[in-house]
Amino acid sequence: MRETKYTGKYFSVLGDSISTFLGYNPPDCAVYYDWEHKCLAEIYTPADTWWGKVINALDGKLLVNNSFSGSTVSKLPCFEIESYGCGDTRTSALGIGTLSPDVIIVLLGINDWGHGATPFSDDDGDGPDNFFVAYRTMLSKLKRNYPNAEIWCLTLPRSHWSANPDFVPPECFRHHFGEYCEAIRKCAKSADCRLIDIYDPENTYDTIDGFHPNAHGMLTIANAVLSHLEGGDTDDN
């Protein structure tokens, strides 16, 4: 494998069900890709996941995958446990002992859309139930806890279901899907984090149920991320 600027670097992931994988998440995290779903999706090893493909392509090492199935960025009343991404628990659990991540990859927000969290703040007094406020808070905590880490903010990819072509994921529940992506863009820019903009309605990932990627879908997401790192960003030269 060719060397990149990330060769040997430690990567941590902050995500939801799309990024879970049995045996690779903290014990308290709910996992979507258990044995049953791994087999349905034909995802058998971390190398088959989107994050595994990205880290391997960059010649890096996984440190922590803090992904929690069903989790949001925003703190919504329907959640009784602190699974939300803007909380202290998850934003401080991306290292191991004295090891801290060199890169933190954040892919969160699809469940905020699904729960209808308000995407933007119209009031300076809005709290963490607002997606924009919560995402901004999350980045602030990540930067405080891991000041030397690069933080990559991924916008939200769109999906399809090849086995059920009549199913079309809606663009809008209470709010438009793209509004959450725009909130991520604004938060990443204001926090001086790296934006990985993979929202592209013309480049959707395949799924086992309309939302959770299968092996082909994982590859699509990984390739979308890596395409933003081309042009010298991953090379030493």
Protein backbone atom coordinates (compact mmCIF):
# COMPACT_ATOMS: atom_id res chain seq x y z
CA MET A 1 0.00 0.00 0.00
CA ARG A 2 1.30 3.43 -0.91
CA GLU A 3 2.05 5.85 1.88
CA THR A 4 -0.23 8.83 2.41
CA LYS A 5 -0.12 11.79 4.78
CA TYR A 6 -2.34 9.67 7.03
CA THR A 7 -0.14 6.57 7.08
CA GLY A 8 -0.14 5.22 10.63
CA LYS A 9 -2.52 7.92 11.88
CA TYR A 10 -5.34 7.07 14.28
CA PHE A 11 -8.92 7.56 13.10
CA SER A 12 -12.02 7.67 15.27
CA VAL A 13 -15.59 7.63 14.00
CA LEU A 14 -18.62 9.37 15.51
CA GLY A 15 -21.75 8.02 13.87
CA ASP A 16 -25.12 6.33 13.95
CA SER A 17 -26.38 2.93 12.76
CA ILE A 18 -24.77 3.24 9.33
CA SER A 19 -21.36 3.17 11.01
CA THR A 20 -21.97 0.44 13.61
CA PHE A 21 -20.38 -3.00 13.35
CA LEU A 22 -20.68 -5.81 15.86
CA GLY A 23 -17.61 -6.00 18.09
CA TYR A 24 -16.23 -2.61 17.07
CA ASN A 25 -18.37 -0.20 19.09
CA PRO A 26 -18.33 0.66 22.81
CA PRO A 27 -20.38 -1.76 24.95
CA ASP A 28 -23.07 0.81 25.73
CA CYS A 29 -23.73 1.60 22.05
CA ALA A 30 -26.72 0.07 20.28
CA VAL A 31 -25.52 -1.80 17.18
CA TYR A 32 -27.46 -2.16 13.93
CA TYR A 33 -24.99 -4.34 12.05
CA ASP A 34 -25.30 -7.42 14.26
CA TRP A 35 -24.84 -10.93 12.86
CA GLU A 36 -28.22 -10.91 11.10
CA HIS A 37 -27.85 -7.52 9.44
CA LYS A 38 -24.20 -8.11 8.57
CA CYS A 39 -25.22 -11.22 6.64
CA LEU A 40 -28.17 -9.50 4.96
CA ALA A 41 -25.89 -6.67 3.87
CA GLU A 42 -23.00 -8.99 2.95
CA ILE A 43 -20.74 -6.98 5.24
CA TYR A 44 -18.52 -9.47 7.01
CA THR A 45 -15.45 -7.56 8.19
CA PRO A 46 -14.62 -3.93 9.00
CA ALA A 47 -12.94 -3.78 5.59
CA ASP A 48 -16.44 -4.04 4.08
CA THR A 49 -17.72 -0.92 5.87
CA TRP A 50 -17.51 2.60 4.49
CA TRP A 51 -15.26 3.75 7.33
CA GLY A 52 -13.04 0.69 7.08
CA LYS A 53 -12.55 1.29 3.38
CA VAL A 54 -11.67 4.95 3.94
CA ILE A 55 -9.21 4.25 6.74
CA ASN A 56 -7.58 1.40 4.81
CA ALA A 57 -7.28 3.51 1.66
CA LEU A 58 -5.49 6.18 3.68
CA ASP A 59 -3.23 3.60 5.37
CA GLY A 60 -4.52 4.65 8.77
CA LYS A 61 -5.61 2.79 11.90
CA LEU A 62 -8.97 2.66 13.62
CA LEU A 63 -8.80 3.92 17.20
CA VAL A 64 -12.46 4.15 18.32
CA ASN A 65 -15.73 3.73 16.47
CA ASN A 66 -18.22 5.52 18.69
CA SER A 67 -21.32 4.85 16.62
CA PHE A 68 -24.73 4.36 18.20
CA SER A 69 -27.69 3.01 16.25
CA GLY A 70 -30.59 5.44 16.14
CA SER A 71 -28.60 8.32 17.56
CA THR A 72 -29.00 11.96 16.65
CA VAL A 73 -26.80 15.01 16.99
CA SER A 74 -29.53 16.99 18.73
CA LYS A 75 -30.86 16.29 22.21
CA LEU A 76 -34.48 15.36 21.61
CA PRO A 77 -37.11 14.72 24.31
CA CYS A 78 -37.74 11.19 23.02
CA PHE A 79 -34.30 9.97 24.13
CA GLU A 80 -33.93 8.84 27.73
CA ILE A 81 -30.22 7.98 27.51
CA GLU A 82 -27.35 10.19 26.40
CA SER A 83 -26.88 8.78 22.92
CA TYR A 84 -27.01 12.18 21.20
CA GLY A 85 -23.85 13.44 19.55
CA CYS A 86 -23.79 16.84 21.22
CA GLY A 87 -23.52 15.37 24.70
CA ASP A 88 -20.44 15.14 26.89
CA THR A 89 -20.41 11.34 26.91
CA ARG A 90 -19.82 10.64 23.24
CA THR A 91 -17.72 13.70 22.46
CA SER A 92 -15.23 12.61 25.13
CA ALA A 93 -15.09 8.91 24.20
CA LEU A 94 -13.04 8.90 21.00
CA GLY A 95 -9.65 8.04 22.49
CA ILE A 96 -8.20 5.09 24.39
CA GLY A 97 -6.11 5.80 27.46
CA THR A 98 -3.39 8.23 26.47
CA LEU A 99 -4.06 7.71 22.76
CA SER A 100 -6.05 10.42 21.03
CA PRO A 101 -7.31 10.38 17.44
CA ASP A 102 -5.43 12.20 14.71
CA VAL A 103 -8.64 12.37 12.66
CA ILE A 104 -12.27 12.30 13.80
CA ILE A 105 -14.81 11.43 11.10
CA VAL A 106 -18.36 12.55 11.89
CA LEU A 107 -21.31 11.10 9.99
CA LEU A 108 -24.41 12.04 11.94
CA GLY A 109 -27.72 13.71 11.15
CA ILE A 110 -29.92 11.25 9.27
CA ASN A 111 -31.86 10.44 12.43
CA ASP A 112 -32.27 14.15 13.20
CA TRP A 113 -33.97 14.44 9.83
CA GLY A 114 -36.02 11.32 10.55
CA HIS A 115 -37.19 12.71 13.90
CA GLY A 116 -37.94 16.13 12.44
CA ALA A 117 -35.43 18.10 14.51
CA THR A 118 -35.44 21.77 13.54
CA PRO A 119 -32.44 22.13 11.20
CA PHE A 120 -31.60 25.80 11.78
CA SER A 121 -31.70 28.22 14.66
CA ASP A 122 -33.83 31.36 14.39
CA ASP A 123 -33.20 32.33 17.98
CA ASP A 124 -29.92 32.78 19.85
CA GLY A 125 -31.62 31.14 22.79
CA ASP A 126 -32.37 27.89 20.97
CA GLY A 127 -31.14 24.81 22.80
CA PRO A 128 -29.61 21.45 21.87
CA ASP A 129 -32.88 20.16 20.41
CA ASN A 130 -32.04 22.38 17.43
CA PHE A 131 -29.82 20.58 14.90
CA PHE A 132 -27.63 23.57 14.02
CA VAL A 133 -27.06 24.48 17.67
CA ALA A 134 -26.40 20.85 18.60
CA TYR A 135 -23.96 20.28 15.72
CA ARG A 136 -22.09 23.45 16.60
CA THR A 137 -21.94 22.37 20.25
CA MET A 138 -20.70 18.92 19.26
CA LEU A 139 -17.84 20.36 17.20
CA SER A 140 -16.90 22.74 20.01
CA LYS A 141 -16.64 19.84 22.45
CA LEU A 142 -14.66 17.69 20.01
CA LYS A 143 -12.18 20.50 19.41
CA ARG A 144 -11.83 21.10 23.14
CA ASN A 145 -11.35 17.41 23.96
CA TYR A 146 -9.08 16.62 20.99
CA PRO A 147 -7.36 19.90 20.06
CA ASN A 148 -4.80 18.25 17.79
CA ALA A 149 -7.27 16.20 15.76
CA GLU A 150 -8.54 16.97 12.29
CA ILE A 151 -12.32 16.86 12.33
CA TRP A 152 -14.08 15.78 9.15
CA CYS A 153 -17.76 16.69 8.91
CA LEU A 154 -19.63 14.56 6.38
CA THR A 155 -22.87 15.78 4.90
CA LEU A 156 -25.60 13.18 4.56
CA PRO A 157 -25.67 10.80 1.59
CA ARG A 158 -28.90 9.84 -0.14
CA SER A 159 -29.98 6.23 -0.55
CA HIS A 160 -31.94 3.86 -2.75
CA TRP A 161 -33.13 0.25 -2.47
CA SER A 162 -32.30 -1.79 -5.56
CA ALA A 163 -34.28 -4.81 -4.34
CA ASN A 164 -37.39 -2.64 -4.00
CA PRO A 165 -37.17 0.03 -6.72
CA ASP A 166 -40.67 1.33 -5.94
CA PHE A 167 -39.36 2.64 -2.62
CA VAL A 168 -38.11 6.20 -2.85
CA PRO A 169 -36.75 7.78 0.36
CA PRO A 170 -38.61 11.04 0.96
CA GLU A 171 -36.71 14.28 0.66
CA CYS A 172 -38.76 15.75 3.46
CA PHE A 173 -40.36 14.62 6.70
CA ARG A 174 -40.92 17.78 8.71
CA HIS A 175 -37.93 19.44 7.07
CA HIS A 176 -36.01 19.00 3.82
CA PHE A 177 -33.04 16.62 3.86
CA GLY A 178 -30.80 19.22 2.27
CA GLU A 179 -31.41 21.68 5.12
CA TYR A 180 -29.49 19.44 7.50
CA CYS A 181 -26.63 19.22 5.02
CA GLU A 182 -26.55 23.00 4.78
CA ALA A 183 -26.44 23.25 8.58
CA ILE A 184 -23.46 20.86 8.59
CA ARG A 185 -21.70 22.98 5.96
CA LYS A 186 -22.17 26.14 7.98
CA CYS A 187 -21.06 24.53 11.24
CA ALA A 188 -17.97 22.99 9.66
CA LYS A 189 -16.95 26.32 8.16
CA SER A 190 -17.48 28.32 11.34
CA ALA A 191 -15.57 25.76 13.43
CA ASP A 192 -12.72 25.50 10.91
CA CYS A 193 -13.35 21.79 10.42
CA ARG A 194 -12.97 19.89 7.19
CA LEU A 195 -16.16 19.53 5.16
CA ILE A 196 -16.62 16.28 3.24
CA ASP A 197 -19.70 17.05 1.16
CA ILE A 198 -21.13 13.71 0.03
CA TYR A 199 -24.74 14.87 -0.35
CA ASP A 200 -25.52 14.10 -3.98
CA PRO A 201 -29.03 13.03 -5.06
CA GLU A 202 -27.50 11.68 -8.27
CA ASN A 203 -25.07 9.39 -6.44
CA THR A 204 -27.13 7.34 -4.01
CA TYR A 205 -25.99 4.32 -2.03
CA ASP A 206 -27.74 0.93 -2.17
CA THR A 207 -29.38 -0.45 0.96
CA ILE A 208 -31.01 -3.50 2.52
CA ASP A 209 -34.08 -1.56 3.64
CA GLY A 210 -34.05 1.89 2.08
CA PHE A 211 -31.62 3.45 4.56
CA HIS A 212 -28.95 1.02 5.81
CA PRO A 213 -26.21 0.34 3.24
CA ASN A 214 -25.37 -3.06 1.88
CA ALA A 215 -21.85 -3.92 0.69
CA HIS A 216 -22.31 -1.96 -2.54
CA GLY A 217 -23.73 0.98 -0.61
CA MET A 218 -20.77 1.00 1.76
CA LEU A 219 -18.45 1.18 -1.24
CA THR A 220 -20.43 4.08 -2.70
CA ILE A 221 -20.15 6.07 0.53
CA ALA A 222 -16.44 5.30 0.88
CA ASN A 223 -15.72 6.33 -2.70
CA ALA A 224 -17.64 9.58 -2.21
CA VAL A 225 -15.51 10.40 0.83
CA LEU A 226 -12.26 9.46 -0.88
CA SER A 227 -13.10 11.48 -3.98
CA HIS A 228 -13.00 14.60 -1.78
CA LEU A 229 -9.51 13.67 -0.65
CA GLU A 230 -8.01 13.41 -4.12
CA GLY A 231 -5.81 15.96 -5.81
CA GLY A 232 -2.87 15.69 -3.44
CA ASP A 233 -4.71 15.79 -0.12
CA THR A 234 -3.82 12.20 0.75
CA ASP A 235 -0.37 12.06 -0.82
CA ASP A 236 2.94 12.99 0.72
CA ASN A 237 4.11 14.39 -2.61
